[in-house]
Amino acid sequence: MPQSPRLEVSNLSCVFDGVAVVRDISLNVAAGQIMCLLGPSGCGKSTTLRVVAGVERQSSGKVALDGATVSDSTLHLPPEARSVGLIFQDFALFPHLSVAQNIAFGLQGRGADVSARVDELLARVDLKGYGDKGVHMLSGGEQQRVALARALAPRPKVMLMDEPFSGLDNRLRDGIRDETLELLKEEGTAVVLVTHEPEEAMRMADQIALMRNGQIVQQGAPYNIYNAPVDQAAAAFFSDINVISGRVQGALTDTAFGQFLAPGFADGTAVEIVFRPQHVKIDFDRGGRGPNPTASDGVPARAMVERARFMGHESLVEFRMEFNGDLIRATVPGVFLPKKGTPLWLSLRRDKCFVFPAAHTG
């Protein structure tokens, strides 16, 4: 028989003062898996997390841990009865307690057993010998490790993390983030993590649930969500995009880059072709000859350089299309800073372009 998910959220909805903050959310998270709730501020991520924790109560739907219901229309177990750990942005450590006392908070049992668990966790988070120190004496990264150890101490089945790394210095964030998630996976803890940063979600998550207006609009592995976005807004959430407009005729759309297939769209439908700047190919031959693209690049189009900027590890070049005046952005590895007005030929990676219905503007 297939193993039940460690955390199961089914058709969860929350209505506050007549406003639906969360609408029909469903999630399954296995032991040792990291699920990231990703989306802009106010989309319902933190509310979903609080309902799973038991801090908020849903209007409808069910939350189950290891197949056992902890919250539905009639049952609502309190947070302390749910075997969940919580880590927030501010760590919420007790300043009047030592590091060891913070970690031991909430543990039950004999003193020797508690001390052994605290010592084990101090070693796991690389803070051996710090037990007697006050938390105010620690750096931000060390405090984050204490918060993690405290949350792990009672061996929760699920760890809920709300923007836990956003308060850390950028130089520390990546290392501490990776160490934290490695430890959680080793413990077999199911993790639900909230963030509004796509790069963080891509780096951390096994599965991403992209949220918008209280709903999950797309759910899947980071690679799949990035490379097969459900709509233009989903594509734009993960990176800068270029958009060119067209109209369907005979399942094809004419553009400066040739015809694009638009299967499933009726004749006359307005569509938008979306592609990322890194998938624009530039012809570097200045001899006035057009490029010689591969079959996957389609038809080349001529454009004039509008502006070029060096971004550190790549250059961003903006072009004005000769065909219709559209502005197209391209990224080039390293330093490439052509002068304004330089004519160049552009082509597109056809396999990296997406065709969506035109967004309504009025």
Protein backbone atom coordinates (compact mmCIF):
# COMPACT_ATOMS: atom_id res chain seq x y z
CA MET A 1 0.00 0.00 0.00
CA PRO A 2 1.24 3.53 -0.73
CA GLN A 3 2.38 5.43 2.34
CA SER A 4 0.06 8.17 3.59
CA PRO A 5 1.44 11.71 3.39
CA ARG A 6 2.85 13.08 6.63
CA LEU A 7 0.72 16.22 6.17
CA GLU A 8 -2.52 16.32 4.20
CA VAL A 9 -4.45 19.55 3.66
CA SER A 10 -7.76 19.07 1.86
CA ASN A 11 -10.00 21.78 0.35
CA LEU A 12 -9.01 24.35 2.96
CA SER A 13 -10.85 27.69 2.94
CA CYS A 14 -10.79 30.64 5.34
CA VAL A 15 -13.28 33.50 5.33
CA PHE A 16 -12.73 36.52 7.60
CA ASP A 17 -15.36 39.28 7.76
CA GLY A 18 -16.92 38.00 4.57
CA VAL A 19 -13.60 37.99 2.65
CA ALA A 20 -12.18 34.69 1.37
CA VAL A 21 -8.50 34.85 2.39
CA VAL A 22 -7.78 31.21 1.50
CA ARG A 23 -9.81 29.30 -1.08
CA ASP A 24 -9.86 25.53 -1.60
CA ILE A 25 -6.20 24.81 -0.77
CA SER A 26 -5.06 21.18 -1.01
CA LEU A 27 -1.51 19.97 -0.22
CA ASN A 28 0.23 16.67 0.46
CA VAL A 29 3.69 16.71 2.07
CA ALA A 30 5.66 13.51 2.67
CA ALA A 31 8.13 12.85 5.47
CA GLY A 32 11.43 14.53 4.64
CA GLN A 33 9.85 16.61 1.85
CA ILE A 34 9.98 20.40 1.61
CA MET A 35 6.86 22.15 0.31
CA CYS A 36 7.16 25.87 -0.35
CA LEU A 37 4.15 28.19 -0.36
CA LEU A 38 5.26 30.93 -2.73
CA GLY A 39 3.47 34.12 -3.67
CA PRO A 40 3.19 37.87 -3.15
CA SER A 41 2.26 39.44 0.18
CA GLY A 42 -1.41 39.01 1.05
CA CYS A 43 -2.00 35.92 -1.10
CA GLY A 44 -2.90 33.64 1.85
CA LYS A 45 0.42 31.87 2.49
CA SER A 46 0.77 32.70 6.19
CA THR A 47 -2.93 32.12 6.87
CA THR A 48 -2.60 28.62 5.42
CA LEU A 49 0.40 28.01 7.67
CA ARG A 50 -1.46 29.24 10.77
CA VAL A 51 -4.39 26.94 10.04
CA VAL A 52 -2.06 23.94 9.74
CA ALA A 53 -0.44 24.98 13.03
CA GLY A 54 -3.83 25.29 14.74
CA VAL A 55 -3.43 28.97 15.51
CA GLU A 56 -6.30 29.84 13.14
CA ARG A 57 -9.40 27.80 12.40
CA GLN A 58 -10.53 27.20 8.84
CA SER A 59 -14.03 27.88 7.53
CA SER A 60 -14.05 24.54 5.70
CA GLY A 61 -11.69 21.74 4.77
CA LYS A 62 -9.50 19.30 6.67
CA VAL A 63 -5.96 19.01 8.06
CA ALA A 64 -4.54 15.55 8.81
CA LEU A 65 -1.18 14.33 10.16
CA ASP A 66 -0.12 10.76 9.32
CA GLY A 67 -3.69 10.05 8.26
CA ALA A 68 -5.24 11.27 11.54
CA THR A 69 -7.49 14.32 11.33
CA VAL A 70 -6.41 17.20 13.55
CA SER A 71 -8.87 19.80 12.25
CA ASP A 72 -12.11 19.76 10.26
CA SER A 73 -15.64 21.15 10.57
CA THR A 74 -16.13 19.56 14.01
CA LEU A 75 -12.64 18.83 15.39
CA HIS A 76 -9.91 21.34 16.23
CA LEU A 77 -6.85 20.14 18.11
CA PRO A 78 -4.75 22.93 19.71
CA PRO A 79 -1.20 23.56 18.39
CA GLU A 80 0.46 21.68 21.27
CA ALA A 81 -1.48 18.52 20.39
CA ARG A 82 -0.53 18.50 16.70
CA SER A 83 3.17 17.56 16.72
CA VAL A 84 4.16 20.59 14.67
CA GLY A 85 7.20 22.83 15.04
CA LEU A 86 7.15 26.55 14.28
CA ILE A 87 9.98 28.82 13.14
CA PHE A 88 9.30 32.45 12.34
CA GLN A 89 11.29 35.38 11.01
CA ASP A 90 12.02 36.83 14.47
CA PHE A 91 13.02 33.41 15.97
CA ALA A 92 10.86 34.22 19.12
CA LEU A 93 13.58 33.13 21.58
CA PHE A 94 13.23 33.84 25.28
CA PRO A 95 15.85 36.48 26.16
CA HIS A 96 15.85 35.68 29.88
CA LEU A 97 16.72 32.01 29.29
CA SER A 98 20.01 30.42 28.31
CA VAL A 99 20.54 28.65 24.99
CA ALA A 100 19.99 25.24 26.63
CA GLN A 101 16.88 26.45 28.46
CA ASN A 102 15.43 27.79 25.22
CA ILE A 103 15.96 24.43 23.51
CA ALA A 104 14.55 22.50 26.47
CA PHE A 105 11.42 24.66 26.62
CA GLY A 106 8.43 22.46 25.87
CA LEU A 107 10.29 19.18 26.42
CA GLN A 108 8.78 16.80 28.94
CA GLY A 109 10.44 13.96 30.78
CA ARG A 110 13.23 13.31 33.23
CA GLY A 111 16.00 15.85 33.57
CA ALA A 112 18.67 13.47 32.27
CA ASP A 113 16.62 12.71 29.14
CA VAL A 114 16.01 16.39 28.47
CA SER A 115 19.68 17.25 28.95
CA ALA A 116 20.72 14.47 26.59
CA ARG A 117 18.32 15.73 23.90
CA VAL A 118 19.56 19.30 24.33
CA ASP A 119 23.20 18.19 24.06
CA GLU A 120 22.38 16.14 20.96
CA LEU A 121 20.72 19.11 19.25
CA LEU A 122 23.47 21.55 20.21
CA ALA A 123 25.92 19.25 18.46
CA ARG A 124 23.61 18.85 15.43
CA VAL A 125 23.35 22.62 14.92
CA ASP A 126 27.06 23.18 15.55
CA LEU A 127 26.60 24.99 18.87
CA LYS A 128 28.30 22.52 21.20
CA GLY A 129 29.44 24.32 24.33
CA TYR A 130 26.96 27.19 23.91
CA GLY A 131 24.32 25.82 26.31
CA ASP A 132 25.03 28.21 29.19
CA LYS A 133 25.24 31.34 27.06
CA GLY A 134 22.48 33.93 26.94
CA VAL A 135 20.77 34.19 23.58
CA HIS A 136 21.47 37.93 23.50
CA MET A 137 25.17 37.08 23.20
CA LEU A 138 24.66 35.20 19.92
CA SER A 139 24.83 36.37 16.33
CA GLY A 140 21.76 36.28 14.10
CA GLY A 141 22.90 33.04 12.50
CA GLU A 142 23.51 31.43 15.88
CA GLN A 143 20.09 32.52 17.12
CA GLN A 144 18.53 30.95 14.04
CA ARG A 145 20.25 27.67 14.91
CA VAL A 146 18.91 27.85 18.47
CA ALA A 147 15.40 28.45 17.14
CA LEU A 148 15.76 25.42 14.85
CA ALA A 149 17.04 23.24 17.70
CA ARG A 150 14.17 24.32 19.95
CA ALA A 151 11.61 23.56 17.23
CA LEU A 152 13.18 20.13 16.59
CA ALA A 153 13.53 19.19 20.27
CA PRO A 154 10.10 17.47 20.65
CA ARG A 155 10.61 15.64 17.31
CA PRO A 156 7.66 17.20 15.45
CA LYS A 157 6.18 15.43 12.45
CA VAL A 158 5.80 18.72 10.57
CA MET A 159 7.91 21.90 10.62
CA LEU A 160 6.17 25.15 9.65
CA MET A 161 8.49 28.00 8.65
CA ASP A 162 7.29 31.54 7.89
CA GLU A 163 10.00 33.63 6.13
CA PRO A 164 12.55 32.13 8.56
CA PHE A 165 15.71 33.38 6.83
CA SER A 166 14.70 36.86 5.70
CA GLY A 167 16.23 38.53 8.76
CA LEU A 168 19.69 37.07 8.18
CA ASP A 169 22.61 38.81 6.56
CA ASN A 170 22.91 37.87 2.87
CA ARG A 171 26.40 36.47 3.44
CA LEU A 172 25.07 34.00 6.02
CA ARG A 173 21.68 33.18 4.53
CA ASP A 174 22.58 30.57 1.94
CA GLY A 175 24.78 28.51 4.23
CA ILE A 176 22.41 28.54 7.20
CA ARG A 177 19.43 27.83 4.95
CA ASP A 178 21.11 24.79 3.40
CA GLU A 179 22.27 23.48 6.79
CA THR A 180 18.77 23.88 8.24
CA LEU A 181 17.03 22.00 5.47
CA GLU A 182 19.61 19.23 5.45
CA LEU A 183 19.00 18.68 9.15
CA LEU A 184 15.22 18.68 8.69
CA LYS A 185 15.47 16.11 5.92
CA GLU A 186 17.74 13.92 8.08
CA GLU A 187 15.13 14.06 10.84
CA GLY A 188 12.43 12.95 8.37
CA THR A 189 10.38 16.07 9.11
CA ALA A 190 7.80 17.25 6.60
CA VAL A 191 8.43 20.96 5.98
CA VAL A 192 6.04 23.68 4.84
CA LEU A 193 7.91 26.91 4.20
CA VAL A 194 6.44 30.31 3.32
CA THR A 195 8.36 32.79 1.19
CA HIS A 196 7.73 35.54 -1.35
CA GLU A 197 11.16 35.10 -2.96
CA PRO A 198 11.18 32.84 -6.06
CA GLU A 199 14.94 32.22 -5.88
CA GLU A 200 14.63 30.98 -2.30
CA ALA A 201 11.77 28.67 -3.25
CA MET A 202 13.68 27.28 -6.23
CA ARG A 203 16.74 26.66 -4.09
CA MET A 204 14.96 25.02 -1.17
CA ALA A 205 11.79 23.26 -2.24
CA ASP A 206 11.05 19.78 -3.49
CA GLN A 207 7.59 21.05 -4.43
CA ILE A 208 6.31 24.61 -4.92
CA ALA A 209 2.71 25.72 -4.50
CA LEU A 210 2.41 29.07 -6.29
CA MET A 211 -0.37 31.11 -4.67
CA ARG A 212 -2.35 34.10 -5.88
CA ASN A 213 -5.46 35.70 -4.36
CA GLY A 214 -5.88 32.94 -1.78
CA GLN A 215 -5.62 30.07 -4.26
CA ILE A 216 -2.94 27.70 -5.54
CA VAL A 217 -2.60 28.50 -9.24
CA GLN A 218 0.15 25.96 -9.94
CA GLN A 219 1.85 23.21 -7.99
CA GLY A 220 4.83 21.05 -8.88
CA ALA A 221 8.59 20.59 -8.84
CA PRO A 222 10.61 23.82 -9.26
CA TYR A 223 11.90 22.77 -12.70
CA ASN A 224 8.41 22.10 -14.00
CA ILE A 225 6.87 25.31 -12.67
CA TYR A 226 9.70 27.42 -14.07
CA ASN A 227 9.74 25.76 -17.49
CA ALA A 228 6.00 25.23 -17.91
CA PRO A 229 4.25 28.18 -16.22
CA VAL A 230 0.47 28.04 -16.18
CA ASP A 231 0.05 31.65 -17.31
CA GLN A 232 1.93 34.88 -18.01
CA ALA A 233 1.77 36.02 -14.37
CA ALA A 234 3.34 32.73 -13.22
CA ALA A 235 6.18 33.14 -15.71
CA ALA A 236 6.74 36.76 -14.65
CA PHE A 237 6.82 35.85 -10.95
CA PHE A 238 10.01 33.82 -11.42
CA SER A 239 11.94 36.14 -13.72
CA ASP A 240 11.82 39.10 -16.06
CA ILE A 241 9.93 38.34 -19.26
CA ASN A 242 9.45 39.72 -22.74
CA VAL A 243 5.95 39.81 -24.23
CA ILE A 244 5.04 40.20 -27.89
CA SER A 245 1.42 40.32 -29.04
CA GLY A 246 -0.25 38.62 -31.95
CA ARG A 247 -3.54 37.31 -33.29
CA VAL A 248 -4.29 33.71 -34.19
CA GLN A 249 -5.14 32.69 -37.73
CA GLY A 250 -5.23 29.04 -38.66
CA ALA A 251 -3.55 27.99 -35.37
CA LEU A 252 -0.61 30.30 -36.18
CA THR A 253 0.45 33.75 -34.99
CA ASP A 254 2.57 36.12 -37.12
CA THR A 255 5.39 37.99 -35.36
CA ALA A 256 8.67 39.69 -36.22
CA PHE A 257 10.30 36.33 -35.43
CA GLY A 258 8.10 34.41 -37.84
CA GLN A 259 5.03 32.32 -37.16
CA PHE A 260 4.36 30.68 -33.82
CA LEU A 261 2.12 27.68 -33.33
CA ALA A 262 -0.98 28.51 -31.29
CA PRO A 263 -2.94 25.25 -31.11
CA GLY A 264 -6.28 25.32 -29.33
CA PHE A 265 -6.94 29.03 -29.95
CA ALA A 266 -9.81 30.11 -32.18
CA ASP A 267 -9.12 32.32 -35.19
CA GLY A 268 -9.00 35.98 -34.22
CA THR A 269 -7.94 35.29 -30.61
CA ALA A 270 -5.45 37.82 -29.24
CA VAL A 271 -2.45 36.04 -27.71
CA GLU A 272 0.83 36.97 -26.07
CA ILE A 273 4.10 35.15 -26.68
CA VAL A 274 6.21 35.18 -23.53
CA PHE A 275 9.94 34.47 -23.31
CA ARG A 276 12.74 35.26 -20.89
CA PRO A 277 15.68 37.57 -21.66
CA GLN A 278 18.20 34.72 -21.44
CA HIS A 279 16.45 32.96 -24.32
CA VAL A 280 16.98 35.83 -26.79
CA LYS A 281 19.90 34.98 -29.08
CA ILE A 282 22.01 37.85 -30.46
CA ASP A 283 23.99 37.78 -33.68
CA PHE A 284 27.43 39.18 -32.89
CA ASP A 285 28.51 39.44 -36.54
CA ARG A 286 28.87 43.18 -37.21
CA GLY A 287 29.48 42.71 -40.94
CA GLY A 288 25.90 43.55 -41.85
CA ARG A 289 24.97 39.96 -42.69
CA GLY A 290 21.96 38.41 -41.03
CA PRO A 291 22.40 35.51 -38.61
CA ASN A 292 22.28 31.88 -39.59
CA PRO A 293 19.98 30.45 -36.93
CA THR A 294 19.27 26.82 -36.25
CA ALA A 295 15.82 25.45 -36.99
CA SER A 296 14.81 25.88 -33.35
CA ASP A 297 15.61 29.60 -33.47
CA GLY A 298 13.01 30.44 -36.13
CA VAL A 299 13.19 33.64 -38.16
CA PRO A 300 15.71 36.36 -37.15
CA ALA A 301 14.51 39.92 -36.64
CA ARG A 302 16.47 43.16 -36.81
CA ALA A 303 16.60 45.50 -33.81
CA MET A 304 18.48 48.56 -32.60
CA VAL A 305 20.26 48.74 -29.27
CA GLU A 306 18.38 51.07 -26.92
CA ARG A 307 20.50 50.62 -23.79
CA ALA A 308 23.12 48.24 -22.36
CA ARG A 309 24.10 47.77 -18.72
CA PHE A 310 26.61 45.52 -16.97
CA MET A 311 24.90 43.66 -14.09
CA GLY A 312 27.90 41.96 -12.49
CA HIS A 313 27.89 38.46 -13.98
CA GLU A 314 25.98 39.32 -17.15
CA SER A 315 24.97 42.23 -19.36
CA LEU A 316 21.39 43.36 -19.92
CA VAL A 317 20.76 44.78 -23.40
CA GLU A 318 17.49 46.46 -24.39
CA PHE A 319 16.51 46.49 -28.04
CA ARG A 320 13.90 48.41 -30.04
CA MET A 321 12.41 46.11 -32.67
CA GLU A 322 12.51 47.46 -36.20
CA PHE A 323 9.32 45.52 -37.03
CA ASN A 324 6.94 47.29 -34.65
CA GLY A 325 8.91 49.29 -32.08
CA ASP A 326 8.50 46.75 -29.27
CA LEU A 327 11.15 46.79 -26.53
CA ILE A 328 12.93 43.45 -26.08
CA ARG A 329 15.43 42.64 -23.31
CA ALA A 330 18.25 40.15 -23.65
CA THR A 331 20.89 38.96 -21.20
CA VAL A 332 24.40 38.06 -22.28
CA PRO A 333 27.01 36.34 -20.04
CA GLY A 334 29.95 38.55 -19.17
CA VAL A 335 30.51 42.03 -20.58
CA PHE A 336 28.65 43.07 -23.75
CA LEU A 337 27.93 46.79 -24.01
CA PRO A 338 27.09 47.81 -27.59
CA LYS A 339 26.42 51.47 -28.25
CA LYS A 340 22.92 52.86 -28.56
CA GLY A 341 21.66 52.59 -32.14
CA THR A 342 23.81 49.56 -33.03
CA PRO A 343 21.80 47.28 -35.35
CA LEU A 344 21.82 43.58 -34.48
CA TRP A 345 19.77 40.53 -35.40
CA LEU A 346 17.83 38.66 -32.75
CA SER A 347 16.27 35.20 -32.68
CA LEU A 348 14.39 33.22 -30.05
CA ARG A 349 14.67 29.79 -28.52
CA ARG A 350 11.34 28.47 -29.77
CA ASP A 351 11.32 25.68 -27.18
CA LYS A 352 11.51 28.31 -24.43
CA CYS A 353 8.57 30.46 -25.61
CA PHE A 354 5.07 30.28 -24.14
CA VAL A 355 1.81 31.27 -25.85
CA PHE A 356 -0.96 32.54 -23.55
CA PRO A 357 -4.27 34.32 -24.08
CA ALA A 358 -3.81 38.10 -24.07
CA ALA A 359 -4.28 39.60 -20.63
CA HIS A 360 -7.38 41.76 -20.29
CA THR A 361 -6.49 45.36 -19.60
CA GLY A 362 -9.84 47.01 -19.31
